[in-house]
PDB file of N, CA and C in Angstrom:
ATOM      1  N   UNK A   1    -148.985 174.042 -93.703  1.00  0.00           N
ATOM      2  CA  UNK A   1    -150.085 174.704 -93.002  1.00  0.00           C
ATOM      3  C   UNK A   1    -151.464 173.792 -93.129  1.00  0.00           C
ATOM      4  N   UNK A   2    -151.516 173.204 -94.461  1.00  0.00           N
ATOM      5  CA  UNK A   2    -152.621 172.321 -94.603  1.00  0.00           C
ATOM      6  C   UNK A   2    -152.632 170.971 -93.842  1.00  0.00           C
ATOM      7  N   UNK A   3    -151.421 170.572 -93.497  1.00  0.00           N
ATOM      8  CA  UNK A   3    -151.343 169.449 -92.547  1.00  0.00           C
ATOM      9  C   UNK A   3    -151.738 169.760 -91.066  1.00  0.00           C
ATOM     10  N   UNK A   4    -151.359 170.937 -90.714  1.00  0.00           N
ATOM     11  CA  UNK A   4    -151.805 171.433 -89.310  1.00  0.00           C
ATOM     12  C   UNK A   4    -153.321 171.657 -89.249  1.00  0.00           C
ATOM     13  N   UNK A   5    -153.749 172.286 -90.358  1.00  0.00           N
ATOM     14  CA  UNK A   5    -155.238 172.641 -90.431  1.00  0.00           C
ATOM     15  C   UNK A   5    -155.854 172.229 -91.652  1.00  0.00           C
ATOM     16  N   UNK A   6    -156.376 171.027 -91.550  1.00  0.00           N
ATOM     17  CA  UNK A   6    -156.987 170.186 -92.588  1.00  0.00           C
ATOM     18  C   UNK A   6    -158.114 170.836 -93.442  1.00  0.00           C
ATOM     19  N   UNK A   7    -158.802 171.757 -92.679  1.00  0.00           N
ATOM     20  CA  UNK A   7    -159.891 172.483 -93.363  1.00  0.00           C
ATOM     21  C   UNK A   7    -159.515 173.771 -94.093  1.00  0.00           C
ATOM     22  N   UNK A   8    -158.225 173.972 -94.119  1.00  0.00           N
ATOM     23  CA  UNK A   8    -157.516 175.084 -94.811  1.00  0.00           C
ATOM     24  C   UNK A   8    -157.289 174.865 -96.328  1.00  0.00           C
ATOM     25  N   UNK A   9    -157.927 175.723 -97.110  1.00  0.00           N
ATOM     26  CA  UNK A   9    -157.608 175.405 -98.554  1.00  0.00           C
ATOM     27  C   UNK A   9    -156.551 176.486 -99.062  1.00  0.00           C
ATOM     28  N   UNK A  10    -155.352 175.982 -99.288  1.00  0.00           N
ATOM     29  CA  UNK A  10    -154.258 176.689 -99.758  1.00  0.00           C
ATOM     30  C   UNK A  10    -154.043 176.816-101.137  1.00  0.00           C
ATOM     31  N   UNK A  11    -155.067 176.484-101.989  1.00  0.00           N
ATOM     32  CA  UNK A  11    -154.893 176.576-103.362  1.00  0.00           C
ATOM     33  C   UNK A  11    -154.610 177.974-103.851  1.00  0.00           C
ATOM     34  N   UNK A  12    -153.449 177.995-104.550  1.00  0.00           N
ATOM     35  CA  UNK A  12    -152.978 179.433-105.154  1.00  0.00           C
ATOM     36  C   UNK A  12    -152.317 180.149-104.168  1.00  0.00           C
ATOM     37  N   UNK A  13    -151.901 179.694-102.895  1.00  0.00           N
ATOM     38  CA  UNK A  13    -151.084 180.235-101.981  1.00  0.00           C
ATOM     39  C   UNK A  13    -149.622 179.855-102.162  1.00  0.00           C
ATOM     40  N   UNK A  14    -148.861 180.865-102.393  1.00  0.00           N
ATOM     41  CA  UNK A  14    -147.447 180.598-102.655  1.00  0.00           C
ATOM     42  C   UNK A  14    -146.611 180.301-101.544  1.00  0.00           C
ATOM     43  N   UNK A  15    -147.009 180.965-100.456  1.00  0.00           N
ATOM     44  CA  UNK A  15    -146.175 180.984 -99.127  1.00  0.00           C
ATOM     45  C   UNK A  15    -147.144 181.234 -97.935  1.00  0.00           C
ATOM     46  N   UNK A  16    -146.682 180.751 -96.741  1.00  0.00           N
ATOM     47  CA  UNK A  16    -147.430 181.052 -95.606  1.00  0.00           C
ATOM     48  C   UNK A  16    -146.598 180.844 -94.293  1.00  0.00           C
ATOM     49  N   UNK A  17    -147.028 181.265 -93.277  1.00  0.00           N
ATOM     50  CA  UNK A  17    -146.249 181.065 -91.920  1.00  0.00           C
ATOM     51  C   UNK A  17    -147.265 180.941 -90.693  1.00  0.00           C
ATOM     52  N   UNK A  18    -146.717 180.029 -89.841  1.00  0.00           N
ATOM     53  CA  UNK A  18    -147.617 179.660 -88.623  1.00  0.00           C
ATOM     54  C   UNK A  18    -146.706 179.809 -87.553  1.00  0.00           C
ATOM     55  N   UNK A  19    -147.111 180.613 -86.509  1.00  0.00           N
ATOM     56  CA  UNK A  19    -146.444 180.770 -85.266  1.00  0.00           C
ATOM     57  C   UNK A  19    -147.075 179.955 -84.235  1.00  0.00           C
ATOM     58  N   UNK A  20    -146.434 179.063 -83.511  1.00  0.00           N
ATOM     59  CA  UNK A  20    -146.987 178.344 -82.660  1.00  0.00           C
ATOM     60  C   UNK A  20    -147.363 179.002 -81.244  1.00  0.00           C
ATOM     61  N   UNK A  21    -146.761 180.363 -81.195  1.00  0.00           N
ATOM     62  CA  UNK A  21    -147.115 181.173 -79.966  1.00  0.00           C
ATOM     63  C   UNK A  21    -146.878 182.522 -80.279  1.00  0.00           C
ATOM     64  N   UNK A  22    -147.531 183.456 -79.567  1.00  0.00           N
ATOM     65  CA  UNK A  22    -147.607 184.813 -79.881  1.00  0.00           C
ATOM     66  C   UNK A  22    -148.132 185.238 -81.223  1.00  0.00           C
ATOM     67  N   UNK A  23    -149.036 184.442 -81.782  1.00  0.00           N
ATOM     68  CA  UNK A  23    -149.718 184.733 -82.923  1.00  0.00           C
ATOM     69  C   UNK A  23    -148.831 184.799 -84.322  1.00  0.00           C
ATOM     70  N   UNK A  24    -147.708 184.285 -84.222  1.00  0.00           N
ATOM     71  CA  UNK A  24    -146.975 184.346 -85.592  1.00  0.00           C
ATOM     72  C   UNK A  24    -146.262 185.587 -85.709  1.00  0.00           C
ATOM     73  N   UNK A  25    -145.819 185.996 -86.986  1.00  0.00           N
ATOM     74  CA  UNK A  25    -145.047 187.086 -87.247  1.00  0.00           C
ATOM     75  C   UNK A  25    -145.345 187.437 -88.645  1.00  0.00           C
ATOM     76  N   UNK A  26    -145.454 188.797 -88.898  1.00  0.00           N
ATOM     77  CA  UNK A  26    -145.712 189.383 -90.051  1.00  0.00           C
ATOM     78  C   UNK A  26    -144.653 190.527 -90.420  1.00  0.00           C
ATOM     79  N   UNK A  27    -144.040 190.501 -91.600  1.00  0.00           N
ATOM     80  CA  UNK A  27    -143.100 191.499 -92.074  1.00  0.00           C
ATOM     81  C   UNK A  27    -143.841 192.414 -92.959  1.00  0.00           C
ATOM     82  N   UNK A  28    -144.228 193.555 -92.397  1.00  0.00           N
ATOM     83  CA  UNK A  28    -144.943 194.603 -93.256  1.00  0.00           C
ATOM     84  C   UNK A  28    -143.993 195.072 -94.356  1.00  0.00           C
ATOM     85  N   UNK A  29    -142.647 195.423 -93.902  1.00  0.00           N
ATOM     86  CA  UNK A  29    -141.847 195.968 -94.915  1.00  0.00           C
ATOM     87  C   UNK A  29    -141.510 194.978 -96.036  1.00  0.00           C
ATOM     88  N   UNK A  30    -141.413 193.685 -95.698  1.00  0.00           N
ATOM     89  CA  UNK A  30    -141.244 192.626 -96.802  1.00  0.00           C
ATOM     90  C   UNK A  30    -142.408 192.709 -97.757  1.00  0.00           C
ATOM     91  N   UNK A  31    -143.648 192.703 -97.230  1.00  0.00           N
ATOM     92  CA  UNK A  31    -144.856 192.869 -98.152  1.00  0.00           C
ATOM     93  C   UNK A  31    -144.693 194.141 -99.011  1.00  0.00           C
ATOM     94  N   UNK A  32    -144.324 195.200 -98.389  1.00  0.00           N
ATOM     95  CA  UNK A  32    -144.374 196.442 -99.016  1.00  0.00           C
ATOM     96  C   UNK A  32    -143.268 196.250-100.326  1.00  0.00           C
ATOM     97  N   UNK A  33    -142.062 195.659-100.052  1.00  0.00           N
ATOM     98  CA  UNK A  33    -141.112 195.483-101.018  1.00  0.00           C
ATOM     99  C   UNK A  33    -141.601 194.548-102.011  1.00  0.00           C
ATOM    100  N   UNK A  34    -142.295 193.600-101.595  1.00  0.00           N
ATOM    101  CA  UNK A  34    -142.866 192.616-102.714  1.00  0.00           C
ATOM    102  C   UNK A  34    -143.891 193.280-103.663  1.00  0.00           C
ATOM    103  N   UNK A  35    -144.753 194.230-102.951  1.00  0.00           N
ATOM    104  CA  UNK A  35    -145.829 194.859-103.761  1.00  0.00           C
ATOM    105  C   UNK A  35    -145.184 195.840-104.686  1.00  0.00           C
ATOM    106  N   UNK A  36    -144.084 196.556-104.175  1.00  0.00           N
ATOM    107  CA  UNK A  36    -143.505 197.508-105.035  1.00  0.00           C
ATOM    108  C   UNK A  36    -142.719 196.800-106.223  1.00  0.00           C
ATOM    109  N   UNK A  37    -141.925 195.898-105.946  1.00  0.00           N
ATOM    110  CA  UNK A  37    -141.348 195.055-106.963  1.00  0.00           C
ATOM    111  C   UNK A  37    -142.361 194.509-108.042  1.00  0.00           C
ATOM    112  N   UNK A  38    -143.324 194.087-107.549  1.00  0.00           N
ATOM    113  CA  UNK A  38    -144.475 193.590-108.419  1.00  0.00           C
ATOM    114  C   UNK A  38    -145.102 194.724-109.371  1.00  0.00           C
ATOM    115  N   UNK A  39    -145.259 195.730-108.726  1.00  0.00           N
ATOM    116  CA  UNK A  39    -145.687 197.038-109.558  1.00  0.00           C
ATOM    117  C   UNK A  39    -144.703 197.445-110.504  1.00  0.00           C
ATOM    118  N   UNK A  40    -143.341 197.506-110.071  1.00  0.00           N
ATOM    119  CA  UNK A  40    -142.320 197.928-111.159  1.00  0.00           C
ATOM    120  C   UNK A  40    -142.178 196.950-112.339  1.00  0.00           C
ATOM    121  N   UNK A  41    -142.414 195.675-112.096  1.00  0.00           N
ATOM    122  CA  UNK A  41    -142.394 194.695-112.977  1.00  0.00           C
ATOM    123  C   UNK A  41    -143.554 194.822-114.101  1.00  0.00           C
ATOM    124  N   UNK A  42    -144.544 195.457-113.545  1.00  0.00           N
ATOM    125  CA  UNK A  42    -145.708 195.727-114.458  1.00  0.00           C
ATOM    126  C   UNK A  42    -145.705 197.180-114.915  1.00  0.00           C
ATOM    127  N   UNK A  43    -144.445 197.731-114.910  1.00  0.00           N
ATOM    128  CA  UNK A  43    -144.490 199.039-115.645  1.00  0.00           C
ATOM    129  C   UNK A  43    -144.764 200.358-114.789  1.00  0.00           C
ATOM    130  N   UNK A  44    -145.025 200.162-113.378  1.00  0.00           N
ATOM    131  CA  UNK A  44    -145.528 201.161-112.746  1.00  0.00           C
ATOM    132  C   UNK A  44    -144.090 202.015-112.280  1.00  0.00           C
ATOM    133  N   UNK A  45    -144.071 203.349-112.466  1.00  0.00           N
ATOM    134  CA  UNK A  45    -142.931 204.308-112.204  1.00  0.00           C
ATOM    135  C   UNK A  45    -143.227 204.956-110.871  1.00  0.00           C
ATOM    136  N   UNK A  46    -142.320 204.829-109.922  1.00  0.00           N
ATOM    137  CA  UNK A  46    -142.385 205.436-108.608  1.00  0.00           C
ATOM    138  C   UNK A  46    -141.524 206.874-108.781  1.00  0.00           C
ATOM    139  N   UNK A  47    -142.162 207.889-108.327  1.00  0.00           N
ATOM    140  CA  UNK A  47    -141.452 209.157-108.379  1.00  0.00           C
ATOM    141  C   UNK A  47    -141.389 209.896-107.084  1.00  0.00           C
ATOM    142  N   UNK A  48    -140.158 210.343-106.628  1.00  0.00           N
ATOM    143  CA  UNK A  48    -140.092 211.031-105.347  1.00  0.00           C
ATOM    144  C   UNK A  48    -140.275 212.341-105.558  1.00  0.00           C
ATOM    145  N   UNK A  49    -141.345 212.950-105.165  1.00  0.00           N
ATOM    146  CA  UNK A  49    -141.668 214.339-105.340  1.00  0.00           C
ATOM    147  C   UNK A  49    -142.809 214.779-104.571  1.00  0.00           C
ATOM    148  N   UNK A  50    -142.923 216.100-104.191  1.00  0.00           N
ATOM    149  CA  UNK A  50    -144.010 216.565-103.372  1.00  0.00           C
ATOM    150  C   UNK A  50    -145.062 216.979-104.224  1.00  0.00           C
ATOM    151  N   UNK A  51    -146.287 216.423-104.000  1.00  0.00           N
ATOM    152  CA  UNK A  51    -147.427 216.753-104.907  1.00  0.00           C
ATOM    153  C   UNK A  51    -148.177 218.084-104.219  1.00  0.00           C
ATOM    154  N   UNK A  52    -148.500 218.912-105.225  1.00  0.00           N
ATOM    155  CA  UNK A  52    -149.154 220.056-104.860  1.00  0.00           C
ATOM    156  C   UNK A  52    -150.655 220.161-105.191  1.00  0.00           C
ATOM    157  N   UNK A  53    -150.932 219.307-106.290  1.00  0.00           N
ATOM    158  CA  UNK A  53    -152.356 219.311-106.614  1.00  0.00           C
ATOM    159  C   UNK A  53    -152.588 218.233-107.644  1.00  0.00           C
ATOM    160  N   UNK A  54    -153.752 217.716-107.911  1.00  0.00           N
ATOM    161  CA  UNK A  54    -154.143 216.808-108.686  1.00  0.00           C
ATOM    162  C   UNK A  54    -155.117 217.432-109.704  1.00  0.00           C
ATOM    163  N   UNK A  55    -154.678 217.407-111.133  1.00  0.00           N
ATOM    164  CA  UNK A  55    -155.543 217.980-112.120  1.00  0.00           C
ATOM    165  C   UNK A  55    -156.424 216.939-112.674  1.00  0.00           C
ATOM    166  N   UNK A  56    -157.697 217.355-113.006  1.00  0.00           N
ATOM    167  CA  UNK A  56    -158.597 216.378-113.430  1.00  0.00           C
ATOM    168  C   UNK A  56    -159.478 217.030-114.616  1.00  0.00           C
ATOM    169  N   UNK A  57    -160.234 216.161-115.383  1.00  0.00           N
ATOM    170  CA  UNK A  57    -161.010 216.444-116.478  1.00  0.00           C
ATOM    171  C   UNK A  57    -162.324 215.824-116.290  1.00  0.00           C
ATOM    172  N   UNK A  58    -163.452 216.188-116.152  1.00  0.00           N
ATOM    173  CA  UNK A  58    -164.724 215.651-115.798  1.00  0.00           C
ATOM    174  C   UNK A  58    -164.604 214.605-114.714  1.00  0.00           C
ATOM    175  N   UNK A  59    -163.922 214.839-113.665  1.00  0.00           N
ATOM    176  CA  UNK A  59    -163.811 214.056-112.646  1.00  0.00           C
ATOM    177  C   UNK A  59    -162.869 212.888-112.566  1.00  0.00           C
ATOM    178  N   UNK A  60    -162.146 212.924-113.741  1.00  0.00           N
ATOM    179  CA  UNK A  60    -160.935 211.854-113.951  1.00  0.00           C
ATOM    180  C   UNK A  60    -159.548 212.602-113.847  1.00  0.00           C
ATOM    181  N   UNK A  61    -158.761 211.972-112.956  1.00  0.00           N
ATOM    182  CA  UNK A  61    -157.371 212.546-112.860  1.00  0.00           C
ATOM    183  C   UNK A  61    -156.598 212.523-114.134  1.00  0.00           C
ATOM    184  N   UNK A  62    -155.847 213.523-114.549  1.00  0.00           N
ATOM    185  CA  UNK A  62    -155.276 213.647-115.710  1.00  0.00           C
ATOM    186  C   UNK A  62    -153.580 213.918-115.400  1.00  0.00           C
ATOM    187  N   UNK A  63    -153.356 214.479-114.293  1.00  0.00           N
ATOM    188  CA  UNK A  63    -151.918 214.796-113.950  1.00  0.00           C
ATOM    189  C   UNK A  63    -151.956 214.958-112.444  1.00  0.00           C
ATOM    190  N   UNK A  64    -150.691 214.758-111.954  1.00  0.00           N
ATOM    191  CA  UNK A  64    -150.246 215.265-110.563  1.00  0.00           C
ATOM    192  C   UNK A  64    -149.264 216.291-110.607  1.00  0.00           C
ATOM    193  N   UNK A  65    -149.492 217.462-110.274  1.00  0.00           N
ATOM    194  CA  UNK A  65    -148.622 218.568-110.291  1.00  0.00           C
ATOM    195  C   UNK A  65    -147.720 218.600-109.076  1.00  0.00           C
ATOM    196  N   UNK A  66    -146.422 218.620-109.246  1.00  0.00           N
ATOM    197  CA  UNK A  66    -145.363 218.545-108.173  1.00  0.00           C
ATOM    198  C   UNK A  66    -144.978 219.941-107.803  1.00  0.00           C
ATOM    199  N   UNK A  67    -144.174 220.019-106.636  1.00  0.00           N
ATOM    200  CA  UNK A  67    -143.740 221.309-106.214  1.00  0.00           C
ATOM    201  C   UNK A  67    -142.819 221.981-107.038  1.00  0.00           C
ATOM    202  N   UNK A  68    -142.010 221.182-107.831  1.00  0.00           N
ATOM    203  CA  UNK A  68    -141.172 221.628-108.936  1.00  0.00           C
ATOM    204  C   UNK A  68    -141.643 222.229-110.145  1.00  0.00           C
ATOM    205  N   UNK A  69    -143.077 221.889-110.255  1.00  0.00           N
ATOM    206  CA  UNK A  69    -143.861 222.571-111.337  1.00  0.00           C
ATOM    207  C   UNK A  69    -144.164 221.446-112.503  1.00  0.00           C
ATOM    208  N   UNK A  70    -143.488 220.325-112.269  1.00  0.00           N
ATOM    209  CA  UNK A  70    -143.797 219.195-113.287  1.00  0.00           C
ATOM    210  C   UNK A  70    -145.162 218.766-113.220  1.00  0.00           C
ATOM    211  N   UNK A  71    -145.585 218.253-114.273  1.00  0.00           N
ATOM    212  CA  UNK A  71    -147.119 217.690-114.364  1.00  0.00           C
ATOM    213  C   UNK A  71    -146.856 216.173-114.766  1.00  0.00           C
ATOM    214  N   UNK A  72    -147.175 215.397-113.902  1.00  0.00           N
ATOM    215  CA  UNK A  72    -146.960 213.874-114.099  1.00  0.00           C
ATOM    216  C   UNK A  72    -148.281 213.356-114.565  1.00  0.00           C
ATOM    217  N   UNK A  73    -148.351 212.995-115.976  1.00  0.00           N
ATOM    218  CA  UNK A  73    -149.701 212.595-116.464  1.00  0.00           C
ATOM    219  C   UNK A  73    -150.052 211.288-115.927  1.00  0.00           C
ATOM    220  N   UNK A  74    -151.307 211.045-115.583  1.00  0.00           N
ATOM    221  CA  UNK A  74    -151.981 209.813-115.159  1.00  0.00           C
ATOM    222  C   UNK A  74    -153.375 209.657-115.488  1.00  0.00           C
ATOM    223  N   UNK A  75    -153.919 208.400-115.352  1.00  0.00           N
ATOM    224  CA  UNK A  75    -155.244 208.149-115.470  1.00  0.00           C
ATOM    225  C   UNK A  75    -155.935 208.008-114.285  1.00  0.00           C
ATOM    226  N   UNK A  76    -155.177 207.501-113.136  1.00  0.00           N
ATOM    227  CA  UNK A  76    -155.504 207.376-111.806  1.00  0.00           C
ATOM    228  C   UNK A  76    -154.567 208.018-110.891  1.00  0.00           C
ATOM    229  N   UNK A  77    -155.056 208.686-109.929  1.00  0.00           N
ATOM    230  CA  UNK A  77    -154.189 209.165-108.851  1.00  0.00           C
ATOM    231  C   UNK A  77    -154.826 208.900-107.533  1.00  0.00           C
ATOM    232  N   UNK A  78    -154.018 208.253-106.725  1.00  0.00           N
ATOM    233  CA  UNK A  78    -154.302 208.161-105.220  1.00  0.00           C
ATOM    234  C   UNK A  78    -153.967 209.136-104.330  1.00  0.00           C
ATOM    235  N   UNK A  79    -154.822 209.804-103.633  1.00  0.00           N
ATOM    236  CA  UNK A  79    -154.675 210.978-102.842  1.00  0.00           C
ATOM    237  C   UNK A  79    -154.339 210.380-101.357  1.00  0.00           C
ATOM    238  N   UNK A  80    -153.146 210.367-101.055  1.00  0.00           N
ATOM    239  CA  UNK A  80    -152.738 209.993 -99.757  1.00  0.00           C
ATOM    240  C   UNK A  80    -152.198 211.197 -98.785  1.00  0.00           C
ATOM    241  N   UNK A  81    -152.885 212.190 -98.907  1.00  0.00           N
ATOM    242  CA  UNK A  81    -152.465 213.536 -98.380  1.00  0.00           C
ATOM    243  C   UNK A  81    -152.806 213.510 -96.935  1.00  0.00           C
ATOM    244  N   UNK A  82    -153.704 212.416 -96.426  1.00  0.00           N
ATOM    245  CA  UNK A  82    -153.920 212.517 -94.936  1.00  0.00           C
ATOM    246  C   UNK A  82    -154.617 213.726 -94.704  1.00  0.00           C
ATOM    247  N   UNK A  83    -154.280 214.547 -93.577  1.00  0.00           N
ATOM    248  CA  UNK A  83    -155.128 215.694 -93.199  1.00  0.00           C
ATOM    249  C   UNK A  83    -154.914 216.957 -94.299  1.00  0.00           C
ATOM    250  N   UNK A  84    -154.063 216.651 -95.161  1.00  0.00           N
ATOM    251  CA  UNK A  84    -153.860 217.763 -96.149  1.00  0.00           C
ATOM    252  C   UNK A  84    -154.558 217.340 -97.522  1.00  0.00           C
ATOM    253  N   UNK A  85    -155.275 216.120 -97.498  1.00  0.00           N
ATOM    254  CA  UNK A  85    -155.844 215.688 -98.709  1.00  0.00           C
ATOM    255  C   UNK A  85    -156.676 216.581 -99.523  1.00  0.00           C
ATOM    256  N   UNK A  86    -157.482 217.491 -98.862  1.00  0.00           N
ATOM    257  CA  UNK A  86    -158.411 218.327 -99.558  1.00  0.00           C
ATOM    258  C   UNK A  86    -157.553 219.374-100.276  1.00  0.00           C
ATOM    259  N   UNK A  87    -156.484 219.827 -99.882  1.00  0.00           N
ATOM    260  CA  UNK A  87    -155.547 220.771-100.610  1.00  0.00           C
ATOM    261  C   UNK A  87    -155.129 220.201-101.876  1.00  0.00           C
ATOM    262  N   UNK A  88    -154.824 218.964-101.945  1.00  0.00           N
ATOM    263  CA  UNK A  88    -154.447 218.201-103.314  1.00  0.00           C
ATOM    264  C   UNK A  88    -155.690 217.973-104.179  1.00  0.00           C
ATOM    265  N   UNK A  89    -156.788 217.870-103.746  1.00  0.00           N
ATOM    266  CA  UNK A  89    -157.969 217.424-104.481  1.00  0.00           C
ATOM    267  C   UNK A  89    -158.230 218.367-105.576  1.00  0.00           C
ATOM    268  N   UNK A  90    -158.558 217.899-106.841  1.00  0.00           N
ATOM    269  CA  UNK A  90    -159.071 218.816-107.894  1.00  0.00           C
ATOM    270  C   UNK A  90    -160.309 219.548-107.587  1.00  0.00           C
ATOM    271  N   UNK A  91    -160.355 220.713-108.097  1.00  0.00           N
ATOM    272  CA  UNK A  91    -161.637 221.495-107.954  1.00  0.00           C
ATOM    273  C   UNK A  91    -162.801 220.626-108.557  1.00  0.00           C
ATOM    274  N   UNK A  92    -163.942 220.749-108.150  1.00  0.00           N
ATOM    275  CA  UNK A  92    -165.159 219.969-108.726  1.00  0.00           C
ATOM    276  C   UNK A  92    -165.512 220.521-110.115  1.00  0.00           C
ATOM    277  N   UNK A  93    -165.807 219.565-110.938  1.00  0.00           N
ATOM    278  CA  UNK A  93    -166.202 220.174-112.402  1.00  0.00           C
ATOM    279  C   UNK A  93    -167.645 220.562-112.505  1.00  0.00           C
TER     280      UNK A  93
END
């Protein structure tokens, strides 16, 4: 890419792609897999469960409660409930 675009600084870039027509190609599933693999390598655990609530103490997430009744302890919870996000949110402190 640097040969094609001399103004491009690719320092630290491990890979790149250039499509000469139709604006190239992007593989979102490949990116998702790479991000998931990287997270797993850093100790992240992925759990397949239905979240019903996020528990918090003083505005800090402490656990995610699942439909099965399990409480998954955490320090950070990302609420991806979309239109149902408010139902998952912890009550205000």
